[in-house]
Amino acid sequence: MPVARTPLPGSAIDQAEHLRSVMREGDRQLLRRDISRLFRSGPARTAKVMKHLRARPDRQLLVSTVHQAAEDLDGALDLYDHLRVRSLEYCAVAVLFAAVEGRPGRLPDVLRQLRRRQRSGDAELLRSATAVLPYGHTTARMDEAVARVLQYTSYKVAAERELHRARRLRRTERAQRETAATSPVLGAGDGRSTWWRLLHWVVALFRQRA
Protein backbone atom coordinates (compact mmCIF):
# COMPACT_ATOMS: atom_id res chain seq x y z
CA MET A 1 0.00 0.00 0.00
CA PRO A 2 1.39 3.47 -0.86
CA VAL A 3 2.67 5.44 2.12
CA ALA A 4 0.19 8.24 1.42
CA ARG A 5 -2.69 5.87 2.18
CA THR A 6 -1.36 4.64 5.51
CA PRO A 7 -1.93 6.35 8.88
CA LEU A 8 1.02 8.00 10.59
CA PRO A 9 2.70 5.46 12.88
CA GLY A 10 3.33 5.87 16.59
CA SER A 11 1.58 7.52 19.51
CA ALA A 12 -0.10 10.93 19.40
CA ILE A 13 3.10 12.48 20.78
CA ASP A 14 5.17 10.70 18.10
CA GLN A 15 2.81 11.88 15.37
CA ALA A 16 2.92 15.47 16.62
CA GLU A 17 6.72 15.43 16.67
CA HIS A 18 6.83 13.94 13.16
CA LEU A 19 4.63 16.74 11.82
CA ARG A 20 6.84 19.31 13.54
CA SER A 21 9.92 17.88 11.83
CA VAL A 22 8.20 17.94 8.42
CA MET A 23 7.10 21.52 9.07
CA ARG A 24 10.70 22.51 9.85
CA GLU A 25 11.86 20.97 6.56
CA GLY A 26 9.57 23.35 4.70
CA ASP A 27 8.31 20.75 2.20
CA ARG A 28 4.66 21.76 1.81
CA GLN A 29 3.75 18.81 -0.38
CA LEU A 30 5.18 16.35 2.15
CA LEU A 31 3.44 18.19 5.00
CA ARG A 32 0.11 18.01 3.18
CA ARG A 33 0.60 14.29 2.59
CA ASP A 34 1.41 13.57 6.22
CA ILE A 35 -1.48 15.68 7.54
CA SER A 36 -3.72 13.53 5.32
CA ARG A 37 -2.10 10.45 6.86
CA LEU A 38 -2.90 11.87 10.30
CA PHE A 39 -6.55 12.20 9.27
CA ARG A 40 -6.52 8.51 8.38
CA SER A 41 -5.97 7.81 12.07
CA GLY A 42 -9.50 9.15 12.66
CA PRO A 43 -10.89 12.38 14.12
CA ALA A 44 -10.35 11.27 17.74
CA ARG A 45 -6.62 10.71 17.21
CA THR A 46 -6.34 13.86 15.09
CA ALA A 47 -7.85 15.92 17.91
CA LYS A 48 -5.47 14.31 20.39
CA VAL A 49 -2.46 15.18 18.21
CA MET A 50 -3.71 18.74 17.78
CA LYS A 51 -3.86 19.10 21.55
CA HIS A 52 -0.11 18.40 21.57
CA LEU A 53 0.43 21.23 19.06
CA ARG A 54 -0.67 24.13 21.24
CA ALA A 55 2.71 25.80 21.80
CA ARG A 56 3.29 29.11 20.01
CA PRO A 57 5.92 27.65 17.62
CA ASP A 58 3.32 25.09 16.49
CA ARG A 59 0.71 27.70 15.53
CA GLN A 60 1.45 27.67 11.80
CA LEU A 61 1.35 23.87 11.79
CA LEU A 62 -2.09 24.01 13.42
CA VAL A 63 -3.22 26.56 10.82
CA SER A 64 -2.20 24.14 8.05
CA THR A 65 -3.97 21.24 9.77
CA VAL A 66 -7.15 23.26 10.32
CA HIS A 67 -7.16 24.48 6.72
CA GLN A 68 -6.72 20.97 5.33
CA ALA A 69 -9.34 19.46 7.64
CA ALA A 70 -11.87 22.03 6.43
CA GLU A 71 -11.73 20.77 2.84
CA ASP A 72 -14.25 18.04 3.69
CA LEU A 73 -17.27 19.45 5.55
CA ASP A 74 -18.40 16.14 7.06
CA GLY A 75 -14.86 15.44 8.23
CA ALA A 76 -14.61 18.98 9.61
CA LEU A 77 -17.78 18.48 11.65
CA ASP A 78 -16.48 15.16 13.02
CA LEU A 79 -13.18 16.78 13.97
CA TYR A 80 -15.08 19.69 15.54
CA ASP A 81 -16.91 17.24 17.82
CA HIS A 82 -13.69 15.62 19.01
CA LEU A 83 -11.87 18.92 19.51
CA ARG A 84 -14.83 20.08 21.60
CA VAL A 85 -14.59 16.94 23.76
CA ARG A 86 -10.95 17.86 24.43
CA SER A 87 -11.93 21.42 25.42
CA LEU A 88 -10.28 22.95 22.34
CA GLU A 89 -13.35 25.06 21.60
CA TYR A 90 -11.64 27.91 19.76
CA CYS A 91 -9.68 25.53 17.55
CA ALA A 92 -12.89 23.53 16.95
CA VAL A 93 -14.77 26.62 15.77
CA ALA A 94 -11.74 27.55 13.64
CA VAL A 95 -12.12 24.29 11.70
CA LEU A 96 -15.71 25.23 10.85
CA PHE A 97 -14.70 28.81 10.06
CA ALA A 98 -12.14 27.49 7.57
CA ALA A 99 -14.84 25.25 6.07
CA VAL A 100 -17.06 28.25 5.27
CA GLU A 101 -14.36 30.88 4.65
CA GLY A 102 -14.34 30.53 0.88
CA ARG A 103 -17.80 28.94 0.65
CA PRO A 104 -20.29 31.25 2.41
CA GLY A 105 -23.20 29.15 1.14
CA ARG A 106 -22.19 26.50 3.68
CA LEU A 107 -22.69 28.78 6.67
CA PRO A 108 -26.46 28.31 7.23
CA ASP A 109 -26.08 24.51 7.17
CA VAL A 110 -23.13 24.59 9.58
CA LEU A 111 -25.04 26.87 11.96
CA ARG A 112 -27.98 24.44 11.89
CA GLN A 113 -25.63 21.55 12.63
CA LEU A 114 -24.23 23.40 15.64
CA ARG A 115 -27.66 24.20 17.02
CA ARG A 116 -28.66 20.57 16.55
CA ARG A 117 -25.65 19.69 18.69
CA GLN A 118 -26.87 22.23 21.28
CA ARG A 119 -23.82 24.40 20.62
CA SER A 120 -25.63 27.72 20.18
CA GLY A 121 -22.71 29.59 21.75
CA ASP A 122 -20.34 28.19 19.14
CA ALA A 123 -22.85 29.04 16.42
CA GLU A 124 -22.88 32.68 17.53
CA LEU A 125 -19.09 32.71 17.77
CA LEU A 126 -18.81 31.30 14.25
CA ARG A 127 -21.28 33.88 12.97
CA SER A 128 -19.25 36.66 14.64
CA ALA A 129 -16.04 35.29 13.14
CA THR A 130 -17.48 35.21 9.63
CA ALA A 131 -18.52 38.87 10.03
CA VAL A 132 -14.86 39.82 9.50
CA LEU A 133 -14.87 38.19 6.05
CA PRO A 134 -14.96 40.55 3.06
CA TYR A 135 -18.12 38.96 1.60
CA GLY A 136 -20.18 40.19 4.57
CA HIS A 137 -22.33 43.32 4.32
CA THR A 138 -19.93 45.01 6.74
CA THR A 139 -16.50 44.02 7.94
CA ALA A 140 -16.80 43.82 11.72
CA ARG A 141 -13.97 44.63 14.07
CA MET A 142 -12.27 41.56 15.47
CA ASP A 143 -12.92 41.19 19.22
CA GLU A 144 -10.93 38.96 21.58
CA ALA A 145 -13.20 35.89 21.35
CA VAL A 146 -13.16 36.02 17.55
CA ALA A 147 -9.38 36.52 17.60
CA ARG A 148 -9.01 33.34 19.65
CA VAL A 149 -10.74 31.49 16.81
CA LEU A 150 -8.95 33.23 13.96
CA GLN A 151 -5.47 32.64 15.40
CA TYR A 152 -5.81 29.11 13.93
CA THR A 153 -6.71 30.37 10.45
CA SER A 154 -5.25 32.41 7.61
CA TYR A 155 -6.11 35.49 9.73
CA LYS A 156 -3.47 34.42 12.27
CA VAL A 157 -1.33 37.57 12.14
CA ALA A 158 -4.25 39.98 12.63
CA ALA A 159 -5.70 37.75 15.36
CA GLU A 160 -2.44 37.61 17.31
CA ARG A 161 -2.18 41.38 17.07
CA GLU A 162 -5.69 41.72 18.57
CA LEU A 163 -4.88 39.22 21.35
CA HIS A 164 -1.73 41.16 22.19
CA ARG A 165 -3.76 44.39 22.37
CA ALA A 166 -6.35 42.74 24.64
CA ARG A 167 -3.65 41.41 26.99
CA ARG A 168 -2.03 44.83 27.18
CA LEU A 169 -5.40 46.45 27.97
CA ARG A 170 -6.07 43.92 30.75
CA ARG A 171 -2.65 44.60 32.29
CA THR A 172 -3.36 48.34 32.28
CA GLU A 173 -6.79 47.88 33.87
CA ARG A 174 -5.36 45.54 36.52
CA ALA A 175 -2.65 48.06 37.39
CA GLN A 176 -5.27 50.80 37.73
CA ARG A 177 -7.40 48.63 40.03
CA GLU A 178 -4.39 47.80 42.21
CA THR A 179 -3.50 51.49 42.44
CA ALA A 180 -7.08 52.37 43.39
CA ALA A 181 -7.17 49.66 46.06
CA THR A 182 -4.00 50.90 47.78
CA SER A 183 -4.62 54.66 47.52
CA PRO A 184 -7.61 56.18 49.34
CA VAL A 185 -7.35 59.41 47.37
CA LEU A 186 -7.39 57.58 44.04
CA GLY A 187 -10.07 55.10 45.11
CA ALA A 188 -12.79 54.19 42.69
CA GLY A 189 -16.34 55.38 43.19
CA ASP A 190 -18.15 58.67 43.59
CA GLY A 191 -16.80 61.68 45.49
CA ARG A 192 -18.60 60.77 48.71
CA SER A 193 -17.06 57.28 48.94
CA THR A 194 -13.63 58.73 48.16
CA TRP A 195 -13.90 61.26 50.99
CA TRP A 196 -15.06 58.57 53.43
CA ARG A 197 -12.04 56.44 52.47
CA LEU A 198 -9.79 59.47 53.01
CA LEU A 199 -11.39 60.18 56.41
CA HIS A 200 -10.89 56.60 57.59
CA TRP A 201 -7.28 56.74 56.43
CA VAL A 202 -6.64 59.99 58.38
CA VAL A 203 -8.28 58.56 61.54
CA ALA A 204 -6.19 55.40 61.27
CA LEU A 205 -3.06 57.51 60.84
CA PHE A 206 -3.77 59.54 64.02
CA ARG A 207 -4.47 56.36 65.96
CA GLN A 208 -1.11 54.95 64.92
CA ARG A 209 0.67 58.13 66.07
CA ALA A 210 -1.23 58.10 69.39
C-alpha atoms as a PDB file:
ATOM      1  CA  MET A   1       0.000   0.000   0.000  1.00  0.00           C
ATOM      2  CA  PRO A   2       1.389   3.469  -0.861  1.00  0.00           C
ATOM      3  CA  VAL A   3       2.670   5.439   2.124  1.00  0.00           C
ATOM      4  CA  ALA A   4       0.194   8.244   1.419  1.00  0.00           C
ATOM      5  CA  ARG A   5      -2.688   5.875   2.178  1.00  0.00           C
ATOM      6  CA  THR A   6      -1.365   4.641   5.513  1.00  0.00           C
ATOM      7  CA  PRO A   7      -1.930   6.346   8.881  1.00  0.00           C
ATOM      8  CA  LEU A   8       1.018   7.998  10.588  1.00  0.00           C
ATOM      9  CA  PRO A   9       2.700   5.459  12.877  1.00  0.00           C
ATOM     10  CA  GLY A  10       3.331   5.872  16.592  1.00  0.00           C
ATOM     11  CA  SER A  11       1.576   7.520  19.505  1.00  0.00           C
ATOM     12  CA  ALA A  12      -0.105  10.926  19.400  1.00  0.00           C
ATOM     13  CA  ILE A  13       3.097  12.480  20.779  1.00  0.00           C
ATOM     14  CA  ASP A  14       5.165  10.696  18.097  1.00  0.00           C
ATOM     15  CA  GLN A  15       2.810  11.878  15.366  1.00  0.00           C
ATOM     16  CA  ALA A  16       2.918  15.465  16.617  1.00  0.00           C
ATOM     17  CA  GLU A  17       6.720  15.427  16.674  1.00  0.00           C
ATOM     18  CA  HIS A  18       6.828  13.940  13.165  1.00  0.00           C
ATOM     19  CA  LEU A  19       4.627  16.738  11.818  1.00  0.00           C
ATOM     20  CA  ARG A  20       6.840  19.309  13.544  1.00  0.00           C
ATOM     21  CA  SER A  21       9.925  17.882  11.827  1.00  0.00           C
ATOM     22  CA  VAL A  22       8.201  17.938   8.421  1.00  0.00           C
ATOM     23  CA  MET A  23       7.101  21.523   9.070  1.00  0.00           C
ATOM     24  CA  ARG A  24      10.696  22.514   9.847  1.00  0.00           C
ATOM     25  CA  GLU A  25      11.865  20.972   6.562  1.00  0.00           C
ATOM     26  CA  GLY A  26       9.567  23.352   4.696  1.00  0.00           C
ATOM     27  CA  ASP A  27       8.305  20.754   2.201  1.00  0.00           C
ATOM     28  CA  ARG A  28       4.658  21.763   1.814  1.00  0.00           C
ATOM     29  CA  GLN A  29       3.753  18.812  -0.380  1.00  0.00           C
ATOM     30  CA  LEU A  30       5.177  16.351   2.154  1.00  0.00           C
ATOM     31  CA  LEU A  31       3.437  18.188   4.999  1.00  0.00           C
ATOM     32  CA  ARG A  32       0.111  18.007   3.183  1.00  0.00           C
ATOM     33  CA  ARG A  33       0.599  14.289   2.586  1.00  0.00           C
ATOM     34  CA  ASP A  34       1.408  13.571   6.220  1.00  0.00           C
ATOM     35  CA  ILE A  35      -1.475  15.675   7.543  1.00  0.00           C
ATOM     36  CA  SER A  36      -3.717  13.528   5.322  1.00  0.00           C
ATOM     37  CA  ARG A  37      -2.097  10.452   6.862  1.00  0.00           C
ATOM     38  CA  LEU A  38      -2.895  11.867  10.297  1.00  0.00           C
ATOM     39  CA  PHE A  39      -6.554  12.205   9.273  1.00  0.00           C
ATOM     40  CA  ARG A  40      -6.523   8.509   8.378  1.00  0.00           C
ATOM     41  CA  SER A  41      -5.969   7.812  12.075  1.00  0.00           C
ATOM     42  CA  GLY A  42      -9.500   9.151  12.659  1.00  0.00           C
ATOM     43  CA  PRO A  43     -10.890  12.378  14.120  1.00  0.00           C
ATOM     44  CA  ALA A  44     -10.353  11.270  17.737  1.00  0.00           C
ATOM     45  CA  ARG A  45      -6.617  10.709  17.210  1.00  0.00           C
ATOM     46  CA  THR A  46      -6.340  13.860  15.085  1.00  0.00           C
ATOM     47  CA  ALA A  47      -7.854  15.923  17.907  1.00  0.00           C
ATOM     48  CA  LYS A  48      -5.467  14.305  20.390  1.00  0.00           C
ATOM     49  CA  VAL A  49      -2.464  15.177  18.214  1.00  0.00           C
ATOM     50  CA  MET A  50      -3.709  18.744  17.777  1.00  0.00           C
ATOM     51  CA  LYS A  51      -3.864  19.101  21.546  1.00  0.00           C
ATOM     52  CA  HIS A  52      -0.110  18.395  21.573  1.00  0.00           C
ATOM     53  CA  LEU A  53       0.433  21.228  19.061  1.00  0.00           C
ATOM     54  CA  ARG A  54      -0.672  24.131  21.240  1.00  0.00           C
ATOM     55  CA  ALA A  55       2.711  25.803  21.802  1.00  0.00           C
ATOM     56  CA  ARG A  56       3.292  29.108  20.008  1.00  0.00           C
ATOM     57  CA  PRO A  57       5.924  27.647  17.617  1.00  0.00           C
ATOM     58  CA  ASP A  58       3.316  25.086  16.493  1.00  0.00           C
ATOM     59  CA  ARG A  59       0.710  27.695  15.529  1.00  0.00           C
ATOM     60  CA  GLN A  60       1.445  27.671  11.803  1.00  0.00           C
ATOM     61  CA  LEU A  61       1.347  23.865  11.792  1.00  0.00           C
ATOM     62  CA  LEU A  62      -2.089  24.013  13.418  1.00  0.00           C
ATOM     63  CA  VAL A  63      -3.220  26.558  10.816  1.00  0.00           C
ATOM     64  CA  SER A  64      -2.199  24.139   8.048  1.00  0.00           C
ATOM     65  CA  THR A  65      -3.974  21.238   9.774  1.00  0.00           C
ATOM     66  CA  VAL A  66      -7.154  23.259  10.322  1.00  0.00           C
ATOM     67  CA  HIS A  67      -7.162  24.481   6.716  1.00  0.00           C
ATOM     68  CA  GLN A  68      -6.725  20.968   5.330  1.00  0.00           C
ATOM     69  CA  ALA A  69      -9.345  19.459   7.645  1.00  0.00           C
ATOM     70  CA  ALA A  70     -11.871  22.027   6.426  1.00  0.00           C
ATOM     71  CA  GLU A  71     -11.730  20.767   2.837  1.00  0.00           C
ATOM     72  CA  ASP A  72     -14.255  18.036   3.691  1.00  0.00           C
ATOM     73  CA  LEU A  73     -17.271  19.455   5.552  1.00  0.00           C
ATOM     74  CA  ASP A  74     -18.403  16.143   7.058  1.00  0.00           C
ATOM     75  CA  GLY A  75     -14.859  15.442   8.230  1.00  0.00           C
ATOM     76  CA  ALA A  76     -14.613  18.981   9.606  1.00  0.00           C
ATOM     77  CA  LEU A  77     -17.784  18.476  11.653  1.00  0.00           C
ATOM     78  CA  ASP A  78     -16.480  15.161  13.017  1.00  0.00           C
ATOM     79  CA  LEU A  79     -13.181  16.779  13.969  1.00  0.00           C
ATOM     80  CA  TYR A  80     -15.077  19.692  15.541  1.00  0.00           C
ATOM     81  CA  ASP A  81     -16.909  17.241  17.824  1.00  0.00           C
ATOM     82  CA  HIS A  82     -13.688  15.616  19.011  1.00  0.00           C
ATOM     83  CA  LEU A  83     -11.872  18.916  19.511  1.00  0.00           C
ATOM     84  CA  ARG A  84     -14.826  20.082  21.595  1.00  0.00           C
ATOM     85  CA  VAL A  85     -14.586  16.940  23.763  1.00  0.00           C
ATOM     86  CA  ARG A  86     -10.947  17.861  24.427  1.00  0.00           C
ATOM     87  CA  SER A  87     -11.930  21.422  25.420  1.00  0.00           C
ATOM     88  CA  LEU A  88     -10.279  22.947  22.338  1.00  0.00           C
ATOM     89  CA  GLU A  89     -13.351  25.057  21.601  1.00  0.00           C
ATOM     90  CA  TYR A  90     -11.643  27.910  19.755  1.00  0.00           C
ATOM     91  CA  CYS A  91      -9.679  25.526  17.551  1.00  0.00           C
ATOM     92  CA  ALA A  92     -12.885  23.533  16.953  1.00  0.00           C
ATOM     93  CA  VAL A  93     -14.772  26.622  15.769  1.00  0.00           C
ATOM     94  CA  ALA A  94     -11.737  27.550  13.643  1.00  0.00           C
ATOM     95  CA  VAL A  95     -12.124  24.290  11.696  1.00  0.00           C
ATOM     96  CA  LEU A  96     -15.712  25.231  10.850  1.00  0.00           C
ATOM     97  CA  PHE A  97     -14.698  28.813  10.056  1.00  0.00           C
ATOM     98  CA  ALA A  98     -12.140  27.491   7.569  1.00  0.00           C
ATOM     99  CA  ALA A  99     -14.841  25.255   6.072  1.00  0.00           C
ATOM    100  CA  VAL A 100     -17.061  28.253   5.266  1.00  0.00           C
ATOM    101  CA  GLU A 101     -14.358  30.880   4.651  1.00  0.00           C
ATOM    102  CA  GLY A 102     -14.340  30.531   0.882  1.00  0.00           C
ATOM    103  CA  ARG A 103     -17.797  28.940   0.652  1.00  0.00           C
ATOM    104  CA  PRO A 104     -20.292  31.248   2.412  1.00  0.00           C
ATOM    105  CA  GLY A 105     -23.205  29.149   1.144  1.00  0.00           C
ATOM    106  CA  ARG A 106     -22.188  26.497   3.678  1.00  0.00           C
ATOM    107  CA  LEU A 107     -22.685  28.776   6.671  1.00  0.00           C
ATOM    108  CA  PRO A 108     -26.460  28.312   7.232  1.00  0.00           C
ATOM    109  CA  ASP A 109     -26.083  24.514   7.172  1.00  0.00           C
ATOM    110  CA  VAL A 110     -23.129  24.591   9.576  1.00  0.00           C
ATOM    111  CA  LEU A 111     -25.042  26.870  11.961  1.00  0.00           C
ATOM    112  CA  ARG A 112     -27.982  24.438  11.891  1.00  0.00           C
ATOM    113  CA  GLN A 113     -25.626  21.554  12.625  1.00  0.00           C
ATOM    114  CA  LEU A 114     -24.229  23.402  15.640  1.00  0.00           C
ATOM    115  CA  ARG A 115     -27.662  24.202  17.024  1.00  0.00           C
ATOM    116  CA  ARG A 116     -28.664  20.568  16.549  1.00  0.00           C
ATOM    117  CA  ARG A 117     -25.653  19.688  18.689  1.00  0.00           C
ATOM    118  CA  GLN A 118     -26.871  22.226  21.284  1.00  0.00           C
ATOM    119  CA  ARG A 119     -23.820  24.404  20.624  1.00  0.00           C
ATOM    120  CA  SER A 120     -25.625  27.716  20.175  1.00  0.00           C
ATOM    121  CA  GLY A 121     -22.711  29.591  21.754  1.00  0.00           C
ATOM    122  CA  ASP A 122     -20.337  28.188  19.137  1.00  0.00           C
ATOM    123  CA  ALA A 123     -22.852  29.042  16.417  1.00  0.00           C
ATOM    124  CA  GLU A 124     -22.877  32.680  17.527  1.00  0.00           C
ATOM    125  CA  LEU A 125     -19.086  32.713  17.774  1.00  0.00           C
ATOM    126  CA  LEU A 126     -18.805  31.298  14.251  1.00  0.00           C
ATOM    127  CA  ARG A 127     -21.281  33.885  12.971  1.00  0.00           C
ATOM    128  CA  SER A 128     -19.253  36.660  14.636  1.00  0.00           C
ATOM    129  CA  ALA A 129     -16.036  35.289  13.142  1.00  0.00           C
ATOM    130  CA  THR A 130     -17.484  35.215   9.627  1.00  0.00           C
ATOM    131  CA  ALA A 131     -18.516  38.867  10.030  1.00  0.00           C
ATOM    132  CA  VAL A 132     -14.857  39.823   9.498  1.00  0.00           C
ATOM    133  CA  LEU A 133     -14.868  38.194   6.054  1.00  0.00           C
ATOM    134  CA  PRO A 134     -14.958  40.551   3.056  1.00  0.00           C
ATOM    135  CA  TYR A 135     -18.123  38.958   1.599  1.00  0.00           C
ATOM    136  CA  GLY A 136     -20.176  40.191   4.567  1.00  0.00           C
ATOM    137  CA  HIS A 137     -22.327  43.320   4.322  1.00  0.00           C
ATOM    138  CA  THR A 138     -19.927  45.009   6.740  1.00  0.00           C
ATOM    139  CA  THR A 139     -16.501  44.023   7.942  1.00  0.00           C
ATOM    140  CA  ALA A 140     -16.795  43.815  11.716  1.00  0.00           C
ATOM    141  CA  ARG A 141     -13.970  44.635  14.070  1.00  0.00           C
ATOM    142  CA  MET A 142     -12.272  41.559  15.474  1.00  0.00           C
ATOM    143  CA  ASP A 143     -12.924  41.187  19.220  1.00  0.00           C
ATOM    144  CA  GLU A 144     -10.932  38.959  21.577  1.00  0.00           C
ATOM    145  CA  ALA A 145     -13.203  35.893  21.349  1.00  0.00           C
ATOM    146  CA  VAL A 146     -13.159  36.017  17.547  1.00  0.00           C
ATOM    147  CA  ALA A 147      -9.384  36.524  17.598  1.00  0.00           C
ATOM    148  CA  ARG A 148      -9.011  33.339  19.651  1.00  0.00           C
ATOM    149  CA  VAL A 149     -10.737  31.486  16.815  1.00  0.00           C
ATOM    150  CA  LEU A 150      -8.949  33.231  13.961  1.00  0.00           C
ATOM    151  CA  GLN A 151      -5.470  32.637  15.398  1.00  0.00           C
ATOM    152  CA  TYR A 152      -5.811  29.114  13.929  1.00  0.00           C
ATOM    153  CA  THR A 153      -6.711  30.374  10.446  1.00  0.00           C
ATOM    154  CA  SER A 154      -5.254  32.413   7.607  1.00  0.00           C
ATOM    155  CA  TYR A 155      -6.106  35.492   9.728  1.00  0.00           C
ATOM    156  CA  LYS A 156      -3.474  34.416  12.272  1.00  0.00           C
ATOM    157  CA  VAL A 157      -1.329  37.569  12.139  1.00  0.00           C
ATOM    158  CA  ALA A 158      -4.247  39.982  12.633  1.00  0.00           C
ATOM    159  CA  ALA A 159      -5.702  37.746  15.361  1.00  0.00           C
ATOM    160  CA  GLU A 160      -2.443  37.605  17.307  1.00  0.00           C
ATOM    161  CA  ARG A 161      -2.182  41.384  17.072  1.00  0.00           C
ATOM    162  CA  GLU A 162      -5.687  41.725  18.571  1.00  0.00           C
ATOM    163  CA  LEU A 163      -4.883  39.225  21.350  1.00  0.00           C
ATOM    164  CA  HIS A 164      -1.729  41.165  22.195  1.00  0.00           C
ATOM    165  CA  ARG A 165      -3.765  44.391  22.366  1.00  0.00           C
ATOM    166  CA  ALA A 166      -6.351  42.741  24.638  1.00  0.00           C
ATOM    167  CA  ARG A 167      -3.649  41.411  26.995  1.00  0.00           C
ATOM    168  CA  ARG A 168      -2.032  44.834  27.181  1.00  0.00           C
ATOM    169  CA  LEU A 169      -5.400  46.448  27.973  1.00  0.00           C
ATOM    170  CA  ARG A 170      -6.069  43.922  30.755  1.00  0.00           C
ATOM    171  CA  ARG A 171      -2.647  44.600  32.291  1.00  0.00           C
ATOM    172  CA  THR A 172      -3.360  48.340  32.278  1.00  0.00           C
ATOM    173  CA  GLU A 173      -6.788  47.881  33.870  1.00  0.00           C
ATOM    174  CA  ARG A 174      -5.357  45.538  36.516  1.00  0.00           C
ATOM    175  CA  ALA A 175      -2.646  48.060  37.394  1.00  0.00           C
ATOM    176  CA  GLN A 176      -5.274  50.798  37.729  1.00  0.00           C
ATOM    177  CA  ARG A 177      -7.403  48.630  40.033  1.00  0.00           C
ATOM    178  CA  GLU A 178      -4.395  47.801  42.208  1.00  0.00           C
ATOM    179  CA  THR A 179      -3.501  51.493  42.445  1.00  0.00           C
ATOM    180  CA  ALA A 180      -7.075  52.372  43.390  1.00  0.00           C
ATOM    181  CA  ALA A 181      -7.173  49.656  46.056  1.00  0.00           C
ATOM    182  CA  THR A 182      -4.003  50.903  47.780  1.00  0.00           C
ATOM    183  CA  SER A 183      -4.621  54.655  47.516  1.00  0.00           C
ATOM    184  CA  PRO A 184      -7.613  56.175  49.339  1.00  0.00           C
ATOM    185  CA  VAL A 185      -7.348  59.411  47.370  1.00  0.00           C
ATOM    186  CA  LEU A 186      -7.390  57.578  44.043  1.00  0.00           C
ATOM    187  CA  GLY A 187     -10.068  55.105  45.112  1.00  0.00           C
ATOM    188  CA  ALA A 188     -12.788  54.195  42.691  1.00  0.00           C
ATOM    189  CA  GLY A 189     -16.340  55.376  43.190  1.00  0.00           C
ATOM    190  CA  ASP A 190     -18.153  58.674  43.588  1.00  0.00           C
ATOM    191  CA  GLY A 191     -16.796  61.676  45.491  1.00  0.00           C
ATOM    192  CA  ARG A 192     -18.596  60.771  48.712  1.00  0.00           C
ATOM    193  CA  SER A 193     -17.057  57.284  48.942  1.00  0.00           C
ATOM    194  CA  THR A 194     -13.628  58.728  48.157  1.00  0.00           C
ATOM    195  CA  TRP A 195     -13.904  61.258  50.994  1.00  0.00           C
ATOM    196  CA  TRP A 196     -15.056  58.570  53.430  1.00  0.00           C
ATOM    197  CA  ARG A 197     -12.038  56.442  52.474  1.00  0.00           C
ATOM    198  CA  LEU A 198      -9.787  59.467  53.008  1.00  0.00           C
ATOM    199  CA  LEU A 199     -11.389  60.182  56.409  1.00  0.00           C
ATOM    200  CA  HIS A 200     -10.890  56.598  57.586  1.00  0.00           C
ATOM    201  CA  TRP A 201      -7.285  56.743  56.425  1.00  0.00           C
ATOM    202  CA  VAL A 202      -6.641  59.987  58.379  1.00  0.00           C
ATOM    203  CA  VAL A 203      -8.280  58.560  61.537  1.00  0.00           C
ATOM    204  CA  ALA A 204      -6.193  55.405  61.273  1.00  0.00           C
ATOM    205  CA  LEU A 205      -3.056  57.508  60.836  1.00  0.00           C
ATOM    206  CA  PHE A 206      -3.767  59.539  64.017  1.00  0.00           C
ATOM    207  CA  ARG A 207      -4.471  56.358  65.962  1.00  0.00           C
ATOM    208  CA  GLN A 208      -1.107  54.953  64.922  1.00  0.00           C
ATOM    209  CA  ARG A 209       0.667  58.130  66.072  1.00  0.00           C
ATOM    210  CA  ALA A 210      -1.231  58.096  69.390  1.00  0.00           C
END
